[in-house]
Amino acid sequence: MVQIHRKVGEGVKVRVLPVPADAPYVPWREPREATRLLRYALHRQGFTHTYQSNGNGMSVLSVQTDLTVWCRSGLFVWDEEGRETCHPADDPAGAARVISLHYRRPAFAAPIRERTGFRAPASPVTYSVRD
């Protein structure tokens, strides 16, 4: 495994997840396309309510209320437990796997709230008199 570091912004160096040394090189895609592929990979992982926005050389994917992924300069970037995490934009399926490991939440049933107030009768009441 090879540890990759990339500079993001002014002299800020971020750690990128290890990549196998024998992995084939695939040139990174345009941010809009890379984010679209990440969105599709996340949909396959069960994250179905996503929103993508594109512009100014970067793309943003809102996955959950506590997870937003940016794609810029050939990297997917997101905040994971207070740390900025990066993954190569060349590998949207791999980024989706990493995200699903850290952000999968158990599905709890929402509590049932008892309704209060007026309720209509189960069957309509008629006030007709039959002879």
N, C-alpha and C. Protein backbone atom coordinates (compact mmCIF):
# COMPACT_ATOMS: atom_id res chain seq x y z
N MET A 1 0.84 -1.17 0.00
CA MET A 1 0.00 0.00 0.00
C MET A 1 0.88 1.24 0.00
N VAL A 2 0.43 2.23 -0.73
CA VAL A 2 1.15 3.49 -0.82
C VAL A 2 0.31 4.56 -0.14
N GLN A 3 0.90 5.31 0.76
CA GLN A 3 0.20 6.40 1.45
C GLN A 3 0.33 7.65 0.57
N ILE A 4 -0.77 8.28 0.25
CA ILE A 4 -0.77 9.45 -0.62
C ILE A 4 -1.15 10.68 0.19
N HIS A 5 -0.44 11.77 -0.02
CA HIS A 5 -0.78 13.04 0.61
C HIS A 5 -0.96 14.05 -0.51
N ARG A 6 -1.95 14.89 -0.38
CA ARG A 6 -2.18 15.95 -1.36
C ARG A 6 -2.34 17.26 -0.63
N LYS A 7 -1.94 18.32 -1.28
CA LYS A 7 -2.13 19.64 -0.71
C LYS A 7 -3.48 20.18 -1.12
N VAL A 8 -4.20 20.69 -0.16
CA VAL A 8 -5.51 21.30 -0.41
C VAL A 8 -5.44 22.69 0.18
N GLY A 9 -5.62 23.69 -0.63
CA GLY A 9 -5.57 25.07 -0.13
C GLY A 9 -4.13 25.53 0.06
N GLU A 10 -3.95 26.47 0.96
CA GLU A 10 -2.65 27.08 1.17
C GLU A 10 -1.81 26.26 2.14
N GLY A 11 -0.99 25.36 1.61
CA GLY A 11 -0.06 24.61 2.43
C GLY A 11 -0.69 23.58 3.35
N VAL A 12 -1.98 23.31 3.22
CA VAL A 12 -2.64 22.33 4.07
C VAL A 12 -2.47 20.97 3.43
N LYS A 13 -1.90 20.06 4.18
CA LYS A 13 -1.65 18.72 3.68
C LYS A 13 -2.64 17.76 4.34
N VAL A 14 -3.38 16.99 3.55
CA VAL A 14 -4.36 16.06 4.10
C VAL A 14 -3.97 14.64 3.75
N ARG A 15 -4.35 13.73 4.62
CA ARG A 15 -4.07 12.32 4.40
C ARG A 15 -5.15 11.73 3.50
N VAL A 16 -4.73 10.99 2.51
CA VAL A 16 -5.64 10.28 1.62
C VAL A 16 -5.52 8.80 1.96
N LEU A 17 -6.62 8.11 1.91
CA LEU A 17 -6.61 6.70 2.25
C LEU A 17 -5.63 5.93 1.39
N PRO A 18 -5.03 4.86 1.93
CA PRO A 18 -4.04 4.09 1.17
C PRO A 18 -4.62 3.50 -0.11
N VAL A 19 -3.78 3.39 -1.11
CA VAL A 19 -4.16 2.83 -2.40
C VAL A 19 -3.19 1.69 -2.69
N PRO A 20 -3.66 0.53 -3.14
CA PRO A 20 -2.74 -0.56 -3.47
C PRO A 20 -1.72 -0.10 -4.51
N ALA A 21 -0.46 -0.50 -4.34
CA ALA A 21 0.61 -0.07 -5.24
C ALA A 21 0.39 -0.57 -6.66
N ASP A 22 -0.29 -1.72 -6.83
CA ASP A 22 -0.49 -2.26 -8.17
C ASP A 22 -1.83 -1.84 -8.78
N ALA A 23 -2.53 -0.89 -8.16
CA ALA A 23 -3.81 -0.43 -8.69
C ALA A 23 -3.60 0.30 -10.01
N PRO A 24 -4.42 0.01 -11.01
CA PRO A 24 -4.26 0.71 -12.29
C PRO A 24 -4.63 2.17 -12.15
N TYR A 25 -3.94 3.01 -12.89
CA TYR A 25 -4.22 4.44 -12.84
C TYR A 25 -5.39 4.76 -13.76
N VAL A 26 -6.36 5.43 -13.20
CA VAL A 26 -7.51 5.90 -13.97
C VAL A 26 -7.56 7.41 -13.75
N PRO A 27 -7.47 8.20 -14.80
CA PRO A 27 -7.47 9.65 -14.60
C PRO A 27 -8.77 10.11 -13.96
N TRP A 28 -8.66 11.07 -13.06
CA TRP A 28 -9.86 11.54 -12.36
C TRP A 28 -10.79 12.25 -13.32
N ARG A 29 -12.04 12.13 -13.01
CA ARG A 29 -13.09 12.70 -13.86
C ARG A 29 -13.39 14.13 -13.47
N GLU A 30 -14.14 14.77 -14.31
CA GLU A 30 -14.66 16.11 -14.02
C GLU A 30 -15.51 15.98 -12.76
N PRO A 31 -15.46 16.95 -11.82
CA PRO A 31 -16.16 16.82 -10.54
C PRO A 31 -17.64 16.46 -10.65
N ARG A 32 -18.34 17.02 -11.61
CA ARG A 32 -19.77 16.71 -11.77
C ARG A 32 -19.97 15.23 -12.06
N GLU A 33 -19.17 14.68 -12.96
CA GLU A 33 -19.28 13.27 -13.33
C GLU A 33 -18.87 12.36 -12.17
N ALA A 34 -17.76 12.69 -11.50
CA ALA A 34 -17.29 11.88 -10.38
C ALA A 34 -18.34 11.86 -9.26
N THR A 35 -18.95 12.99 -8.97
CA THR A 35 -19.96 13.06 -7.92
C THR A 35 -21.22 12.31 -8.33
N ARG A 36 -21.57 12.36 -9.59
CA ARG A 36 -22.73 11.60 -10.08
C ARG A 36 -22.48 10.10 -9.87
N LEU A 37 -21.27 9.64 -10.18
CA LEU A 37 -20.95 8.23 -9.99
C LEU A 37 -20.92 7.86 -8.50
N LEU A 38 -20.44 8.78 -7.65
CA LEU A 38 -20.49 8.55 -6.20
C LEU A 38 -21.93 8.46 -5.73
N ARG A 39 -22.78 9.35 -6.24
CA ARG A 39 -24.19 9.34 -5.85
C ARG A 39 -24.84 8.00 -6.21
N TYR A 40 -24.57 7.49 -7.41
CA TYR A 40 -25.13 6.20 -7.82
C TYR A 40 -24.59 5.07 -6.95
N ALA A 41 -23.30 5.11 -6.62
CA ALA A 41 -22.71 4.07 -5.76
C ALA A 41 -23.32 4.13 -4.36
N LEU A 42 -23.55 5.33 -3.84
CA LEU A 42 -24.18 5.47 -2.53
C LEU A 42 -25.63 4.99 -2.54
N HIS A 43 -26.32 5.20 -3.66
CA HIS A 43 -27.70 4.71 -3.79
C HIS A 43 -27.70 3.19 -3.65
N ARG A 44 -26.71 2.52 -4.26
CA ARG A 44 -26.61 1.07 -4.16
C ARG A 44 -26.30 0.63 -2.73
N GLN A 45 -25.69 1.51 -1.93
CA GLN A 45 -25.38 1.21 -0.53
C GLN A 45 -26.56 1.53 0.40
N GLY A 46 -27.63 2.12 -0.15
CA GLY A 46 -28.81 2.40 0.65
C GLY A 46 -29.03 3.87 0.97
N PHE A 47 -28.13 4.74 0.55
CA PHE A 47 -28.29 6.19 0.77
C PHE A 47 -29.08 6.75 -0.41
N THR A 48 -30.39 6.75 -0.29
CA THR A 48 -31.22 7.08 -1.45
C THR A 48 -31.71 8.52 -1.50
N HIS A 49 -31.58 9.27 -0.42
CA HIS A 49 -32.04 10.66 -0.41
C HIS A 49 -30.84 11.59 -0.48
N THR A 50 -30.31 11.77 -1.68
CA THR A 50 -29.13 12.62 -1.87
C THR A 50 -29.48 13.80 -2.75
N TYR A 51 -28.67 14.85 -2.65
CA TYR A 51 -28.87 16.03 -3.48
C TYR A 51 -27.52 16.50 -3.98
N GLN A 52 -27.38 16.70 -5.28
CA GLN A 52 -26.12 17.11 -5.89
C GLN A 52 -26.23 18.51 -6.45
N SER A 53 -25.17 19.30 -6.26
CA SER A 53 -25.08 20.63 -6.83
C SER A 53 -23.69 20.80 -7.44
N ASN A 54 -23.63 21.49 -8.58
CA ASN A 54 -22.36 21.62 -9.31
C ASN A 54 -22.09 23.08 -9.65
N GLY A 55 -20.81 23.43 -9.70
CA GLY A 55 -20.45 24.76 -10.14
C GLY A 55 -19.05 25.15 -9.71
N ASN A 56 -18.45 26.09 -10.43
CA ASN A 56 -17.14 26.66 -10.12
C ASN A 56 -16.05 25.61 -9.91
N GLY A 57 -16.00 24.59 -10.76
CA GLY A 57 -14.94 23.61 -10.70
C GLY A 57 -15.05 22.61 -9.56
N MET A 58 -16.18 22.58 -8.88
CA MET A 58 -16.38 21.59 -7.83
C MET A 58 -17.83 21.14 -7.82
N SER A 59 -18.08 20.06 -7.11
CA SER A 59 -19.42 19.51 -7.00
C SER A 59 -19.65 19.13 -5.55
N VAL A 60 -20.88 19.28 -5.09
CA VAL A 60 -21.23 19.00 -3.70
C VAL A 60 -22.35 17.98 -3.68
N LEU A 61 -22.23 17.00 -2.79
CA LEU A 61 -23.25 15.98 -2.64
C LEU A 61 -23.69 15.94 -1.18
N SER A 62 -24.96 16.27 -0.94
CA SER A 62 -25.53 16.18 0.39
C SER A 62 -26.11 14.78 0.54
N VAL A 63 -25.56 14.01 1.48
CA VAL A 63 -25.96 12.61 1.64
C VAL A 63 -26.91 12.46 2.82
N GLN A 64 -26.55 13.03 3.96
CA GLN A 64 -27.36 13.03 5.17
C GLN A 64 -27.23 14.40 5.80
N THR A 65 -27.99 14.64 6.86
CA THR A 65 -27.89 15.95 7.51
C THR A 65 -26.51 16.19 8.08
N ASP A 66 -25.80 15.13 8.46
CA ASP A 66 -24.45 15.28 9.02
C ASP A 66 -23.34 14.87 8.06
N LEU A 67 -23.67 14.73 6.76
CA LEU A 67 -22.66 14.31 5.79
C LEU A 67 -22.83 15.04 4.47
N THR A 68 -21.83 15.84 4.14
CA THR A 68 -21.75 16.51 2.85
C THR A 68 -20.40 16.17 2.24
N VAL A 69 -20.38 15.75 0.98
CA VAL A 69 -19.15 15.37 0.29
C VAL A 69 -18.88 16.38 -0.81
N TRP A 70 -17.67 16.95 -0.82
CA TRP A 70 -17.25 17.87 -1.88
C TRP A 70 -16.33 17.11 -2.81
N CYS A 71 -16.39 17.43 -4.08
CA CYS A 71 -15.45 16.89 -5.05
C CYS A 71 -14.74 18.07 -5.68
N ARG A 72 -13.42 18.14 -5.45
CA ARG A 72 -12.61 19.22 -6.02
C ARG A 72 -11.17 18.75 -6.12
N SER A 73 -10.48 19.22 -7.09
CA SER A 73 -9.06 18.92 -7.30
C SER A 73 -8.78 17.42 -7.31
N GLY A 74 -9.68 16.64 -7.88
CA GLY A 74 -9.46 15.20 -8.00
C GLY A 74 -9.70 14.40 -6.73
N LEU A 75 -10.34 15.02 -5.73
CA LEU A 75 -10.59 14.34 -4.46
C LEU A 75 -12.04 14.48 -4.02
N PHE A 76 -12.56 13.43 -3.37
CA PHE A 76 -13.78 13.55 -2.60
C PHE A 76 -13.33 13.94 -1.20
N VAL A 77 -13.96 14.94 -0.60
CA VAL A 77 -13.57 15.43 0.72
C VAL A 77 -14.82 15.51 1.58
N TRP A 78 -14.75 14.98 2.81
CA TRP A 78 -15.86 15.09 3.76
C TRP A 78 -15.30 15.12 5.17
N ASP A 79 -16.14 15.52 6.10
CA ASP A 79 -15.76 15.59 7.51
C ASP A 79 -16.19 14.30 8.19
N GLU A 80 -15.25 13.64 8.83
CA GLU A 80 -15.53 12.39 9.51
C GLU A 80 -15.04 12.48 10.95
N GLU A 81 -15.97 12.59 11.87
CA GLU A 81 -15.66 12.70 13.30
C GLU A 81 -14.70 13.85 13.58
N GLY A 82 -14.95 14.99 12.96
CA GLY A 82 -14.14 16.18 13.19
C GLY A 82 -12.86 16.26 12.39
N ARG A 83 -12.57 15.26 11.56
CA ARG A 83 -11.37 15.27 10.73
C ARG A 83 -11.77 15.30 9.26
N GLU A 84 -11.01 16.04 8.47
CA GLU A 84 -11.26 16.07 7.04
C GLU A 84 -10.71 14.79 6.43
N THR A 85 -11.56 14.07 5.72
CA THR A 85 -11.18 12.81 5.09
C THR A 85 -11.25 12.97 3.58
N CYS A 86 -10.28 12.41 2.88
CA CYS A 86 -10.22 12.51 1.42
C CYS A 86 -10.16 11.11 0.81
N HIS A 87 -10.68 11.02 -0.39
CA HIS A 87 -10.60 9.78 -1.17
C HIS A 87 -10.48 10.20 -2.64
N PRO A 88 -9.68 9.50 -3.42
CA PRO A 88 -9.51 9.89 -4.83
C PRO A 88 -10.83 9.86 -5.60
N ALA A 89 -11.06 10.88 -6.40
CA ALA A 89 -12.28 10.95 -7.21
C ALA A 89 -12.28 9.89 -8.30
N ASP A 90 -11.12 9.26 -8.53
CA ASP A 90 -11.03 8.16 -9.50
C ASP A 90 -11.81 6.94 -9.05
N ASP A 91 -12.12 6.86 -7.76
CA ASP A 91 -12.70 5.66 -7.18
C ASP A 91 -14.00 5.97 -6.43
N PRO A 92 -15.08 6.32 -7.15
CA PRO A 92 -16.33 6.64 -6.47
C PRO A 92 -16.92 5.45 -5.72
N ALA A 93 -16.78 4.24 -6.25
CA ALA A 93 -17.31 3.05 -5.56
C ALA A 93 -16.56 2.82 -4.25
N GLY A 94 -15.26 3.03 -4.25
CA GLY A 94 -14.47 2.89 -3.03
C GLY A 94 -14.85 3.94 -2.00
N ALA A 95 -15.07 5.17 -2.45
CA ALA A 95 -15.50 6.24 -1.54
C ALA A 95 -16.86 5.90 -0.93
N ALA A 96 -17.76 5.33 -1.73
CA ALA A 96 -19.08 4.95 -1.22
C ALA A 96 -18.95 3.86 -0.16
N ARG A 97 -18.03 2.90 -0.35
CA ARG A 97 -17.81 1.85 0.66
C ARG A 97 -17.30 2.45 1.96
N VAL A 98 -16.33 3.37 1.87
CA VAL A 98 -15.78 4.00 3.07
C VAL A 98 -16.86 4.80 3.79
N ILE A 99 -17.63 5.56 3.04
CA ILE A 99 -18.70 6.36 3.63
C ILE A 99 -19.73 5.47 4.31
N SER A 100 -20.12 4.37 3.65
CA SER A 100 -21.14 3.50 4.23
C SER A 100 -20.64 2.82 5.50
N LEU A 101 -19.34 2.59 5.63
CA LEU A 101 -18.80 1.99 6.86
C LEU A 101 -18.93 2.95 8.04
N HIS A 102 -18.77 4.24 7.79
CA HIS A 102 -18.75 5.21 8.87
C HIS A 102 -20.10 5.90 9.11
N TYR A 103 -20.97 5.87 8.14
CA TYR A 103 -22.22 6.63 8.28
C TYR A 103 -23.48 5.79 8.25
N ARG A 104 -23.36 4.48 8.19
CA ARG A 104 -24.55 3.63 8.20
C ARG A 104 -25.19 3.73 9.58
N ARG A 105 -26.46 4.00 9.62
CA ARG A 105 -27.19 4.10 10.87
C ARG A 105 -28.22 2.97 10.93
N PRO A 106 -28.41 2.37 12.11
CA PRO A 106 -29.47 1.36 12.19
C PRO A 106 -30.83 2.01 11.98
N ALA A 107 -31.70 1.30 11.33
CA ALA A 107 -33.03 1.83 11.03
C ALA A 107 -33.95 1.54 12.21
N PHE A 108 -34.24 2.54 13.00
CA PHE A 108 -35.17 2.39 14.11
C PHE A 108 -36.53 2.89 13.66
N ALA A 109 -37.55 2.20 14.08
CA ALA A 109 -38.90 2.63 13.76
C ALA A 109 -39.21 3.90 14.55
N ALA A 110 -39.85 4.82 13.91
CA ALA A 110 -40.23 6.06 14.58
C ALA A 110 -41.30 5.74 15.62
N PRO A 111 -41.25 6.40 16.77
CA PRO A 111 -42.27 6.11 17.79
C PRO A 111 -43.66 6.50 17.27
N ILE A 112 -44.64 5.70 17.63
CA ILE A 112 -46.01 5.96 17.20
C ILE A 112 -46.62 6.97 18.16
N ARG A 113 -47.10 8.05 17.64
CA ARG A 113 -47.75 9.08 18.45
C ARG A 113 -49.24 8.85 18.45
N GLU A 114 -49.82 8.92 19.62
CA GLU A 114 -51.25 8.76 19.72
C GLU A 114 -51.92 10.07 19.34
N ARG A 115 -52.91 9.97 18.49
CA ARG A 115 -53.60 11.17 18.05
C ARG A 115 -54.59 11.63 19.12
N THR A 116 -54.72 12.91 19.21
CA THR A 116 -55.71 13.47 20.12
C THR A 116 -56.65 14.35 19.33
N GLY A 117 -57.79 14.59 19.89
CA GLY A 117 -58.75 15.45 19.20
C GLY A 117 -59.89 14.65 18.62
N PHE A 118 -60.66 15.30 17.76
CA PHE A 118 -61.86 14.71 17.19
C PHE A 118 -61.50 13.60 16.21
N ARG A 119 -62.22 12.50 16.30
CA ARG A 119 -62.08 11.40 15.33
C ARG A 119 -63.44 11.12 14.72
N ALA A 120 -63.44 10.93 13.44
CA ALA A 120 -64.68 10.61 12.76
C ALA A 120 -65.09 9.18 13.11
N PRO A 121 -66.41 8.91 13.21
CA PRO A 121 -66.84 7.54 13.50
C PRO A 121 -66.42 6.60 12.39
N ALA A 122 -66.27 5.33 12.75
CA ALA A 122 -65.82 4.32 11.79
C ALA A 122 -66.81 4.14 10.65
N SER A 123 -68.10 4.20 10.94
CA SER A 123 -69.10 4.09 9.88
C SER A 123 -69.97 5.33 9.93
N PRO A 124 -70.43 5.80 8.80
CA PRO A 124 -71.22 7.02 8.80
C PRO A 124 -72.54 6.82 9.54
N VAL A 125 -72.93 7.82 10.28
CA VAL A 125 -74.19 7.78 11.02
C VAL A 125 -75.27 8.36 10.12
N THR A 126 -76.35 7.65 10.02
CA THR A 126 -77.46 8.16 9.22
C THR A 126 -78.62 8.48 10.15
N TYR A 127 -79.33 9.50 9.85
CA TYR A 127 -80.49 9.91 10.68
C TYR A 127 -81.79 9.75 9.92
N SER A 128 -81.83 8.80 9.04
CA SER A 128 -83.08 8.58 8.28
C SER A 128 -83.96 7.58 9.04
N VAL A 129 -85.24 7.79 8.93
CA VAL A 129 -86.21 6.90 9.58
C VAL A 129 -86.87 6.08 8.49
N ARG A 130 -86.92 4.78 8.71
CA ARG A 130 -87.56 3.91 7.72
C ARG A 130 -88.97 3.55 8.19
N ASP A 131 -89.86 3.49 7.25
CA ASP A 131 -91.24 3.11 7.59
C ASP A 131 -91.40 1.65 7.68
